[in-house]
Amino acid sequence: MRTFVAVFPPPETQEALADAARGLPVVGKVRLTSPANIHLTLKFLGDVSQEDLGRLAEALEPVRERHEPFEASISGFGAFPSPRRARILWAGIGEGADELRALARDVDETLEPLGFEREDRTYVPHLTLGRARGRPVALETVESPSPVPEFFVRHAELVESVLGGAGAAYSTLAAYPLSEGRD
């Protein structure tokens, strides 16, 4: 099963991000991400066998104890690989970016002994809002982000992704509430 570790903002933030995505000045065709699918990927794991799922879920458990809930905010909008030849439209993280990087690094280090390679790229926390259909699109300059409410990151999730004609369908396999108080 295709899996990843992620943080999902609350539904009101997902809806606000979807509204903002619809208002982005894009030239070209884009398939917008369903509001319920908007998330921050901490680590993409790829295909994991059913037999390995239990030890994977168990290995992630101590990560939650090393991180407290924190506030996150949207810093702006952009595109990968560039605004002029965009394949992916995204919202960046301002406040909370350091905490997300620490959480992603912890997940990466925790899963390496299980055979998951560590990321060789620097983690850039972002939420994918849409993907170009076929050819790259152009994202015109965004003066200021649409208002998106700040949100609390309270837990991480181990998620299964099933690809289909209408896009990916996600289901939570395990949730990891962040510690409310560390000693």
N, C-alpha and C. Protein backbone atom coordinates (compact mmCIF):
# COMPACT_ATOMS: atom_id res chain seq x y z
N MET A 1 0.84 -1.19 0.00
CA MET A 1 0.00 0.00 0.00
C MET A 1 0.88 1.24 0.00
N ARG A 2 0.46 2.25 -0.75
CA ARG A 2 1.21 3.50 -0.91
C ARG A 2 0.95 4.36 0.32
N THR A 3 2.02 4.77 1.02
CA THR A 3 1.85 5.47 2.29
C THR A 3 2.74 6.71 2.40
N PHE A 4 2.35 7.57 3.32
CA PHE A 4 3.15 8.74 3.66
C PHE A 4 2.80 9.19 5.07
N VAL A 5 3.65 10.03 5.65
CA VAL A 5 3.41 10.61 6.97
C VAL A 5 3.12 12.09 6.73
N ALA A 6 2.04 12.60 7.34
CA ALA A 6 1.62 13.97 7.04
C ALA A 6 0.94 14.63 8.22
N VAL A 7 0.76 15.93 8.06
CA VAL A 7 -0.04 16.76 8.96
C VAL A 7 -1.17 17.33 8.10
N PHE A 8 -2.40 17.16 8.57
CA PHE A 8 -3.56 17.72 7.89
C PHE A 8 -4.06 18.91 8.69
N PRO A 9 -4.18 20.08 8.06
CA PRO A 9 -4.78 21.23 8.76
C PRO A 9 -6.25 20.94 9.05
N PRO A 10 -6.85 21.69 9.95
CA PRO A 10 -8.28 21.49 10.21
C PRO A 10 -9.10 21.85 8.96
N PRO A 11 -10.32 21.30 8.87
CA PRO A 11 -11.16 21.52 7.68
C PRO A 11 -11.35 22.98 7.28
N GLU A 12 -11.50 23.89 8.26
CA GLU A 12 -11.71 25.30 7.90
C GLU A 12 -10.47 25.89 7.21
N THR A 13 -9.28 25.44 7.59
CA THR A 13 -8.06 25.90 6.94
C THR A 13 -7.94 25.27 5.55
N GLN A 14 -8.29 24.00 5.44
CA GLN A 14 -8.26 23.34 4.13
C GLN A 14 -9.20 24.06 3.16
N GLU A 15 -10.40 24.41 3.64
CA GLU A 15 -11.38 25.11 2.78
C GLU A 15 -10.85 26.48 2.38
N ALA A 16 -10.25 27.22 3.33
CA ALA A 16 -9.70 28.54 3.02
C ALA A 16 -8.57 28.43 2.01
N LEU A 17 -7.74 27.40 2.12
CA LEU A 17 -6.66 27.19 1.16
C LEU A 17 -7.22 26.85 -0.23
N ALA A 18 -8.26 26.03 -0.27
CA ALA A 18 -8.89 25.69 -1.55
C ALA A 18 -9.49 26.94 -2.19
N ASP A 19 -10.12 27.81 -1.39
CA ASP A 19 -10.67 29.07 -1.90
C ASP A 19 -9.55 29.95 -2.45
N ALA A 20 -8.44 30.02 -1.71
CA ALA A 20 -7.30 30.82 -2.16
C ALA A 20 -6.75 30.27 -3.46
N ALA A 21 -6.68 28.95 -3.58
CA ALA A 21 -6.15 28.33 -4.81
C ALA A 21 -7.02 28.68 -6.01
N ARG A 22 -8.33 28.70 -5.81
CA ARG A 22 -9.24 29.05 -6.91
C ARG A 22 -9.03 30.49 -7.37
N GLY A 23 -8.52 31.33 -6.46
CA GLY A 23 -8.30 32.73 -6.80
C GLY A 23 -6.90 33.06 -7.29
N LEU A 24 -6.02 32.07 -7.38
CA LEU A 24 -4.66 32.34 -7.84
C LEU A 24 -4.65 32.70 -9.32
N PRO A 25 -3.85 33.70 -9.70
CA PRO A 25 -3.79 34.11 -11.11
C PRO A 25 -2.93 33.15 -11.93
N VAL A 26 -3.58 32.10 -12.45
CA VAL A 26 -2.89 31.05 -13.20
C VAL A 26 -3.28 31.11 -14.66
N VAL A 27 -2.28 30.98 -15.53
CA VAL A 27 -2.51 30.90 -16.96
C VAL A 27 -2.24 29.45 -17.36
N GLY A 28 -3.31 28.74 -17.74
CA GLY A 28 -3.19 27.33 -18.10
C GLY A 28 -4.17 26.50 -17.29
N LYS A 29 -4.16 25.21 -17.54
CA LYS A 29 -5.11 24.31 -16.89
C LYS A 29 -4.47 23.64 -15.68
N VAL A 30 -5.21 23.71 -14.56
CA VAL A 30 -4.73 23.15 -13.29
C VAL A 30 -5.82 22.28 -12.69
N ARG A 31 -5.43 21.14 -12.15
CA ARG A 31 -6.37 20.33 -11.37
C ARG A 31 -6.11 20.67 -9.91
N LEU A 32 -7.09 21.33 -9.29
CA LEU A 32 -6.94 21.74 -7.89
C LEU A 32 -7.09 20.55 -6.95
N THR A 33 -6.38 20.61 -5.86
CA THR A 33 -6.45 19.57 -4.84
C THR A 33 -7.77 19.69 -4.10
N SER A 34 -8.41 18.57 -3.85
CA SER A 34 -9.64 18.54 -3.06
C SER A 34 -9.32 19.10 -1.67
N PRO A 35 -10.19 19.95 -1.11
CA PRO A 35 -9.89 20.52 0.20
C PRO A 35 -9.50 19.48 1.25
N ALA A 36 -10.20 18.35 1.30
CA ALA A 36 -9.92 17.32 2.31
C ALA A 36 -8.55 16.67 2.12
N ASN A 37 -7.96 16.82 0.93
CA ASN A 37 -6.65 16.22 0.65
C ASN A 37 -5.48 17.18 0.86
N ILE A 38 -5.75 18.43 1.19
CA ILE A 38 -4.68 19.40 1.40
C ILE A 38 -3.96 19.05 2.70
N HIS A 39 -2.64 18.85 2.59
CA HIS A 39 -1.86 18.40 3.74
C HIS A 39 -0.40 18.81 3.59
N LEU A 40 0.34 18.66 4.67
CA LEU A 40 1.79 18.85 4.69
C LEU A 40 2.43 17.47 4.76
N THR A 41 3.08 17.04 3.71
CA THR A 41 3.77 15.75 3.74
C THR A 41 5.05 15.90 4.56
N LEU A 42 5.21 15.04 5.55
CA LEU A 42 6.45 15.01 6.33
C LEU A 42 7.45 14.04 5.70
N LYS A 43 6.93 12.91 5.20
CA LYS A 43 7.78 11.93 4.52
C LYS A 43 6.91 11.02 3.66
N PHE A 44 7.30 10.90 2.39
CA PHE A 44 6.64 9.96 1.50
C PHE A 44 7.35 8.62 1.66
N LEU A 45 6.60 7.56 1.90
CA LEU A 45 7.18 6.25 2.16
C LEU A 45 7.09 5.31 0.97
N GLY A 46 6.17 5.56 0.07
CA GLY A 46 5.99 4.66 -1.07
C GLY A 46 5.22 3.43 -0.67
N ASP A 47 5.46 2.34 -1.39
CA ASP A 47 4.73 1.09 -1.13
C ASP A 47 5.27 0.40 0.12
N VAL A 48 4.36 0.10 1.03
CA VAL A 48 4.68 -0.60 2.28
C VAL A 48 3.79 -1.83 2.32
N SER A 49 4.40 -2.98 2.60
CA SER A 49 3.61 -4.21 2.67
C SER A 49 2.75 -4.22 3.93
N GLN A 50 1.68 -4.96 3.87
CA GLN A 50 0.78 -5.10 5.02
C GLN A 50 1.55 -5.64 6.23
N GLU A 51 2.51 -6.56 5.99
CA GLU A 51 3.29 -7.15 7.09
C GLU A 51 4.17 -6.12 7.77
N ASP A 52 4.68 -5.14 7.00
CA ASP A 52 5.57 -4.12 7.56
C ASP A 52 4.82 -2.95 8.20
N LEU A 53 3.54 -2.86 7.94
CA LEU A 53 2.76 -1.72 8.42
C LEU A 53 2.75 -1.62 9.94
N GLY A 54 2.61 -2.73 10.64
CA GLY A 54 2.56 -2.71 12.10
C GLY A 54 3.84 -2.18 12.72
N ARG A 55 4.98 -2.63 12.22
CA ARG A 55 6.24 -2.15 12.82
C ARG A 55 6.51 -0.70 12.42
N LEU A 56 6.03 -0.29 11.26
CA LEU A 56 6.15 1.11 10.85
C LEU A 56 5.32 2.00 11.78
N ALA A 57 4.08 1.63 12.00
CA ALA A 57 3.20 2.41 12.87
C ALA A 57 3.77 2.46 14.30
N GLU A 58 4.30 1.36 14.77
CA GLU A 58 4.89 1.31 16.11
C GLU A 58 6.15 2.17 16.20
N ALA A 59 6.97 2.16 15.16
CA ALA A 59 8.21 2.94 15.16
C ALA A 59 7.94 4.44 15.25
N LEU A 60 6.81 4.88 14.68
CA LEU A 60 6.48 6.30 14.69
C LEU A 60 5.94 6.79 16.04
N GLU A 61 5.48 5.89 16.87
CA GLU A 61 4.86 6.26 18.14
C GLU A 61 5.74 7.18 19.00
N PRO A 62 7.03 6.90 19.21
CA PRO A 62 7.84 7.77 20.07
C PRO A 62 8.05 9.18 19.51
N VAL A 63 7.87 9.36 18.20
CA VAL A 63 8.06 10.68 17.60
C VAL A 63 7.10 11.68 18.24
N ARG A 64 5.87 11.26 18.47
CA ARG A 64 4.86 12.18 19.01
C ARG A 64 5.24 12.70 20.39
N GLU A 65 5.97 11.90 21.15
CA GLU A 65 6.35 12.30 22.51
C GLU A 65 7.46 13.34 22.52
N ARG A 66 8.14 13.51 21.40
CA ARG A 66 9.26 14.46 21.33
C ARG A 66 8.86 15.82 20.75
N HIS A 67 7.57 16.00 20.46
CA HIS A 67 7.12 17.27 19.86
C HIS A 67 5.82 17.71 20.51
N GLU A 68 5.73 19.01 20.77
CA GLU A 68 4.51 19.59 21.32
C GLU A 68 3.69 20.23 20.21
N PRO A 69 2.37 20.37 20.41
CA PRO A 69 1.56 21.07 19.42
C PRO A 69 2.10 22.49 19.20
N PHE A 70 1.89 23.01 18.00
CA PHE A 70 2.38 24.35 17.69
C PHE A 70 1.47 25.00 16.66
N GLU A 71 1.58 26.31 16.58
CA GLU A 71 0.77 27.08 15.65
C GLU A 71 1.51 27.21 14.32
N ALA A 72 0.76 27.18 13.22
CA ALA A 72 1.33 27.35 11.89
C ALA A 72 0.51 28.38 11.12
N SER A 73 1.18 29.07 10.20
CA SER A 73 0.48 30.06 9.37
C SER A 73 1.00 29.97 7.94
N ILE A 74 0.16 30.44 7.04
CA ILE A 74 0.51 30.45 5.62
C ILE A 74 1.32 31.73 5.35
N SER A 75 2.44 31.57 4.64
CA SER A 75 3.31 32.72 4.36
C SER A 75 3.11 33.28 2.96
N GLY A 76 2.49 32.51 2.08
CA GLY A 76 2.31 32.97 0.71
C GLY A 76 2.09 31.79 -0.22
N PHE A 77 2.06 32.08 -1.52
CA PHE A 77 1.78 31.08 -2.53
C PHE A 77 2.90 31.06 -3.54
N GLY A 78 3.11 29.92 -4.16
CA GLY A 78 4.18 29.81 -5.14
C GLY A 78 3.97 28.60 -6.02
N ALA A 79 5.03 28.25 -6.77
CA ALA A 79 4.94 27.15 -7.72
C ALA A 79 6.29 26.45 -7.84
N PHE A 80 6.22 25.14 -8.08
CA PHE A 80 7.40 24.34 -8.37
C PHE A 80 7.33 23.93 -9.83
N PRO A 81 8.38 23.86 -10.60
CA PRO A 81 9.72 24.27 -10.23
C PRO A 81 9.92 25.78 -10.28
N SER A 82 9.04 26.51 -11.01
CA SER A 82 9.13 27.98 -11.03
C SER A 82 7.76 28.53 -11.40
N PRO A 83 7.51 29.81 -11.08
CA PRO A 83 6.20 30.39 -11.41
C PRO A 83 5.90 30.40 -12.92
N ARG A 84 6.90 30.53 -13.75
CA ARG A 84 6.69 30.60 -15.20
C ARG A 84 6.48 29.23 -15.84
N ARG A 85 6.97 28.16 -15.21
CA ARG A 85 6.81 26.79 -15.75
C ARG A 85 6.32 25.89 -14.62
N ALA A 86 5.21 26.28 -14.05
CA ALA A 86 4.70 25.62 -12.85
C ALA A 86 4.07 24.26 -13.17
N ARG A 87 4.43 23.30 -12.38
CA ARG A 87 3.79 21.98 -12.41
C ARG A 87 2.94 21.80 -11.15
N ILE A 88 3.38 22.44 -10.04
CA ILE A 88 2.68 22.32 -8.76
C ILE A 88 2.48 23.71 -8.17
N LEU A 89 1.25 24.02 -7.75
CA LEU A 89 0.95 25.24 -7.02
C LEU A 89 0.92 24.91 -5.54
N TRP A 90 1.50 25.79 -4.71
CA TRP A 90 1.60 25.48 -3.29
C TRP A 90 1.39 26.71 -2.42
N ALA A 91 1.10 26.44 -1.15
CA ALA A 91 1.07 27.46 -0.11
C ALA A 91 2.22 27.16 0.84
N GLY A 92 3.00 28.18 1.14
CA GLY A 92 4.14 28.01 2.04
C GLY A 92 3.75 28.25 3.49
N ILE A 93 4.62 27.80 4.37
CA ILE A 93 4.41 27.95 5.81
C ILE A 93 5.37 29.00 6.36
N GLY A 94 4.84 29.93 7.14
CA GLY A 94 5.66 30.93 7.82
C GLY A 94 5.90 30.46 9.24
N GLU A 95 5.05 30.94 10.16
CA GLU A 95 5.14 30.49 11.54
C GLU A 95 4.89 28.98 11.58
N GLY A 96 5.72 28.27 12.33
CA GLY A 96 5.59 26.83 12.44
C GLY A 96 6.51 26.06 11.50
N ALA A 97 7.19 26.76 10.58
CA ALA A 97 8.07 26.08 9.61
C ALA A 97 9.21 25.35 10.33
N ASP A 98 9.81 25.99 11.33
CA ASP A 98 10.92 25.34 12.05
C ASP A 98 10.45 24.07 12.76
N GLU A 99 9.27 24.14 13.37
CA GLU A 99 8.73 22.97 14.06
C GLU A 99 8.40 21.85 13.08
N LEU A 100 7.87 22.22 11.90
CA LEU A 100 7.58 21.20 10.88
C LEU A 100 8.86 20.56 10.36
N ARG A 101 9.91 21.37 10.18
CA ARG A 101 11.20 20.82 9.74
C ARG A 101 11.74 19.85 10.80
N ALA A 102 11.62 20.21 12.07
CA ALA A 102 12.10 19.33 13.15
C ALA A 102 11.29 18.03 13.18
N LEU A 103 9.99 18.12 13.00
CA LEU A 103 9.13 16.94 12.98
C LEU A 103 9.47 16.05 11.79
N ALA A 104 9.65 16.64 10.61
CA ALA A 104 10.00 15.86 9.42
C ALA A 104 11.37 15.20 9.59
N ARG A 105 12.33 15.92 10.17
CA ARG A 105 13.66 15.35 10.41
C ARG A 105 13.58 14.17 11.38
N ASP A 106 12.76 14.30 12.42
CA ASP A 106 12.59 13.23 13.39
C ASP A 106 11.97 11.99 12.73
N VAL A 107 10.95 12.20 11.91
CA VAL A 107 10.32 11.08 11.18
C VAL A 107 11.36 10.41 10.29
N ASP A 108 12.12 11.22 9.57
CA ASP A 108 13.16 10.71 8.67
C ASP A 108 14.18 9.85 9.43
N GLU A 109 14.68 10.38 10.55
CA GLU A 109 15.69 9.66 11.35
C GLU A 109 15.10 8.40 11.99
N THR A 110 13.86 8.46 12.40
CA THR A 110 13.21 7.33 13.06
C THR A 110 12.99 6.17 12.09
N LEU A 111 12.67 6.48 10.86
CA LEU A 111 12.34 5.43 9.89
C LEU A 111 13.54 4.89 9.11
N GLU A 112 14.68 5.57 9.21
CA GLU A 112 15.86 5.09 8.49
C GLU A 112 16.25 3.66 8.89
N PRO A 113 16.27 3.30 10.18
CA PRO A 113 16.63 1.92 10.54
C PRO A 113 15.66 0.86 9.99
N LEU A 114 14.46 1.28 9.57
CA LEU A 114 13.49 0.35 8.99
C LEU A 114 13.68 0.20 7.48
N GLY A 115 14.70 0.86 6.95
CA GLY A 115 14.99 0.72 5.53
C GLY A 115 14.47 1.86 4.66
N PHE A 116 13.92 2.90 5.25
CA PHE A 116 13.45 4.06 4.48
C PHE A 116 14.61 5.04 4.39
N GLU A 117 15.05 5.32 3.17
CA GLU A 117 16.19 6.21 2.98
C GLU A 117 15.87 7.61 3.47
N ARG A 118 16.90 8.24 4.04
CA ARG A 118 16.74 9.63 4.47
C ARG A 118 16.67 10.53 3.26
N GLU A 119 15.93 11.59 3.41
CA GLU A 119 15.78 12.55 2.32
C GLU A 119 17.12 13.25 2.08
N ASP A 120 17.46 13.43 0.81
CA ASP A 120 18.71 14.14 0.50
C ASP A 120 18.46 15.62 0.21
N ARG A 121 17.19 16.00 0.09
CA ARG A 121 16.85 17.41 -0.13
C ARG A 121 16.41 18.04 1.19
N THR A 122 16.63 19.32 1.30
CA THR A 122 16.16 20.07 2.46
C THR A 122 14.63 20.07 2.46
N TYR A 123 14.04 19.81 3.62
CA TYR A 123 12.58 19.79 3.73
C TYR A 123 12.04 21.22 3.67
N VAL A 124 11.12 21.46 2.74
CA VAL A 124 10.46 22.75 2.60
C VAL A 124 8.98 22.54 2.88
N PRO A 125 8.49 22.95 4.05
CA PRO A 125 7.08 22.71 4.37
C PRO A 125 6.15 23.51 3.44
N HIS A 126 5.25 22.79 2.78
CA HIS A 126 4.30 23.41 1.87
C HIS A 126 3.07 22.51 1.73
N LEU A 127 1.99 23.10 1.28
CA LEU A 127 0.74 22.38 1.04
C LEU A 127 0.46 22.46 -0.46
N THR A 128 0.35 21.33 -1.12
CA THR A 128 0.07 21.31 -2.55
C THR A 128 -1.39 21.68 -2.78
N LEU A 129 -1.60 22.71 -3.61
CA LEU A 129 -2.96 23.20 -3.88
C LEU A 129 -3.47 22.78 -5.25
N GLY A 130 -2.56 22.42 -6.14
CA GLY A 130 -2.97 22.01 -7.48
C GLY A 130 -1.79 21.56 -8.31
N ARG A 131 -2.11 20.85 -9.40
CA ARG A 131 -1.10 20.35 -10.33
C ARG A 131 -1.50 20.72 -11.75
N ALA A 132 -0.49 21.08 -12.53
CA ALA A 132 -0.75 21.41 -13.94
C ALA A 132 -1.28 20.17 -14.65
N ARG A 133 -2.21 20.39 -15.55
CA ARG A 133 -2.75 19.30 -16.38
C ARG A 133 -1.94 19.30 -17.67
N GLY A 134 -1.11 18.29 -17.81
CA GLY A 134 -0.31 18.19 -19.03
C GLY A 134 0.84 19.17 -19.03
N ARG A 135 0.67 20.27 -19.74
CA ARG A 135 1.74 21.26 -19.89
C ARG A 135 1.87 22.14 -18.65
N PRO A 136 3.08 22.66 -18.39
CA PRO A 136 3.24 23.58 -17.27
C PRO A 136 2.34 24.81 -17.43
N VAL A 137 2.02 25.44 -16.34
CA VAL A 137 1.21 26.65 -16.32
C VAL A 137 2.07 27.81 -15.81
N ALA A 138 1.53 29.00 -15.89
CA ALA A 138 2.22 30.18 -15.37
C ALA A 138 1.43 30.73 -14.20
N LEU A 139 2.12 30.99 -13.11
CA LEU A 139 1.52 31.63 -11.94
C LEU A 139 1.97 33.08 -11.96
N GLU A 140 1.00 33.98 -12.14
CA GLU A 140 1.32 35.41 -12.14
C GLU A 140 1.70 35.81 -10.72
N THR A 141 2.33 36.96 -10.58
CA THR A 141 2.77 37.44 -9.26
C THR A 141 1.59 37.53 -8.30
N VAL A 142 1.80 36.99 -7.12
CA VAL A 142 0.78 37.06 -6.06
C VAL A 142 1.25 38.11 -5.07
N GLU A 143 0.53 39.23 -5.03
CA GLU A 143 0.93 40.35 -4.16
C GLU A 143 0.89 39.96 -2.69
N SER A 144 -0.24 39.44 -2.25
CA SER A 144 -0.35 39.02 -0.85
C SER A 144 -1.30 37.82 -0.80
N PRO A 145 -1.04 36.92 0.11
CA PRO A 145 -1.89 35.73 0.18
C PRO A 145 -3.32 36.08 0.60
N SER A 146 -4.26 35.31 0.09
CA SER A 146 -5.63 35.43 0.56
C SER A 146 -5.64 35.08 2.03
N PRO A 147 -6.58 35.62 2.78
CA PRO A 147 -6.59 35.31 4.21
C PRO A 147 -6.88 33.84 4.47
N VAL A 148 -5.95 33.19 5.11
CA VAL A 148 -6.09 31.80 5.52
C VAL A 148 -5.83 31.77 7.01
N PRO A 149 -6.74 31.21 7.79
CA PRO A 149 -6.55 31.24 9.24
C PRO A 149 -5.33 30.43 9.68
N GLU A 150 -4.69 30.94 10.74
CA GLU A 150 -3.63 30.16 11.36
C GLU A 150 -4.26 28.90 11.91
N PHE A 151 -3.44 27.87 12.12
CA PHE A 151 -3.97 26.62 12.64
C PHE A 151 -2.95 25.97 13.57
N PHE A 152 -3.46 25.11 14.43
CA PHE A 152 -2.58 24.37 15.33
C PHE A 152 -2.27 23.01 14.74
N VAL A 153 -1.01 22.65 14.79
CA VAL A 153 -0.58 21.31 14.42
C VAL A 153 -0.63 20.51 15.71
N ARG A 154 -1.56 19.60 15.79
CA ARG A 154 -1.78 18.83 17.01
C ARG A 154 -1.40 17.36 16.88
N HIS A 155 -1.28 16.88 15.64
CA HIS A 155 -0.92 15.48 15.45
C HIS A 155 -0.39 15.25 14.03
N ALA A 156 0.32 14.14 13.88
CA ALA A 156 0.77 13.67 12.58
C ALA A 156 0.01 12.38 12.29
N GLU A 157 -0.02 11.99 11.03
CA GLU A 157 -0.77 10.80 10.65
C GLU A 157 0.04 9.94 9.68
N LEU A 158 -0.13 8.65 9.81
CA LEU A 158 0.34 7.69 8.81
C LEU A 158 -0.84 7.47 7.89
N VAL A 159 -0.65 7.71 6.59
CA VAL A 159 -1.76 7.78 5.65
C VAL A 159 -1.54 6.82 4.48
N GLU A 160 -2.63 6.17 4.07
CA GLU A 160 -2.62 5.37 2.85
C GLU A 160 -3.18 6.22 1.73
N SER A 161 -2.55 6.15 0.56
CA SER A 161 -3.00 6.88 -0.62
C SER A 161 -3.37 5.87 -1.69
N VAL A 162 -4.62 5.94 -2.17
CA VAL A 162 -5.07 5.08 -3.26
C VAL A 162 -5.36 5.98 -4.45
N LEU A 163 -4.60 5.76 -5.53
CA LEU A 163 -4.76 6.57 -6.72
C LEU A 163 -5.95 6.08 -7.54
N GLY A 164 -6.72 7.04 -8.07
CA GLY A 164 -7.88 6.70 -8.89
C GLY A 164 -8.08 7.76 -9.95
N GLY A 165 -9.07 7.59 -10.77
CA GLY A 165 -9.36 8.51 -11.86
C GLY A 165 -9.67 9.92 -11.39
N ALA A 166 -10.27 10.05 -10.23
CA ALA A 166 -10.63 11.36 -9.70
C ALA A 166 -9.55 11.93 -8.80
N GLY A 167 -8.36 11.33 -8.80
CA GLY A 167 -7.28 11.77 -7.92
C GLY A 167 -7.04 10.76 -6.82
N ALA A 168 -6.31 11.15 -5.83
CA ALA A 168 -5.97 10.25 -4.72
C ALA A 168 -7.05 10.28 -3.64
N ALA A 169 -7.28 9.13 -3.04
CA ALA A 169 -8.16 9.03 -1.87
C ALA A 169 -7.26 8.66 -0.70
N TYR A 170 -7.36 9.41 0.39
CA TYR A 170 -6.51 9.20 1.56
C TYR A 170 -7.31 8.60 2.70
N SER A 171 -6.67 7.70 3.44
CA SER A 171 -7.26 7.20 4.67
C SER A 171 -6.17 7.11 5.73
N THR A 172 -6.54 7.51 6.94
CA THR A 172 -5.59 7.51 8.05
C THR A 172 -5.45 6.10 8.59
N LEU A 173 -4.21 5.63 8.65
CA LEU A 173 -3.91 4.31 9.20
C LEU A 173 -3.58 4.38 10.69
N ALA A 174 -2.94 5.50 11.10
CA ALA A 174 -2.59 5.72 12.51
C ALA A 174 -2.43 7.22 12.73
N ALA A 175 -2.83 7.69 13.90
CA ALA A 175 -2.67 9.10 14.26
C ALA A 175 -1.74 9.19 15.46
N TYR A 176 -0.94 10.25 15.48
CA TYR A 176 0.06 10.44 16.54
C TYR A 176 -0.12 11.82 17.15
N PRO A 177 -0.96 11.93 18.20
CA PRO A 177 -1.14 13.23 18.86
C PRO A 177 0.19 13.68 19.47
N LEU A 178 0.53 14.95 19.21
CA LEU A 178 1.78 15.48 19.76
C LEU A 178 1.63 15.66 21.26
N SER A 179 2.74 15.52 21.96
CA SER A 179 2.75 15.56 23.42
C SER A 179 2.28 16.92 23.93
N GLU A 180 1.45 16.91 24.93
CA GLU A 180 0.97 18.17 25.54
C GLU A 180 1.93 18.71 26.57
N GLY A 181 2.90 17.95 26.94
CA GLY A 181 3.87 18.43 27.91
C GLY A 181 5.00 17.44 28.07
N ARG A 182 6.19 17.91 27.73
CA ARG A 182 7.35 17.02 27.84
C ARG A 182 8.05 17.29 29.17
N ASP A 183 8.68 16.26 29.68
CA ASP A 183 9.44 16.44 30.93
C ASP A 183 10.84 16.91 30.67
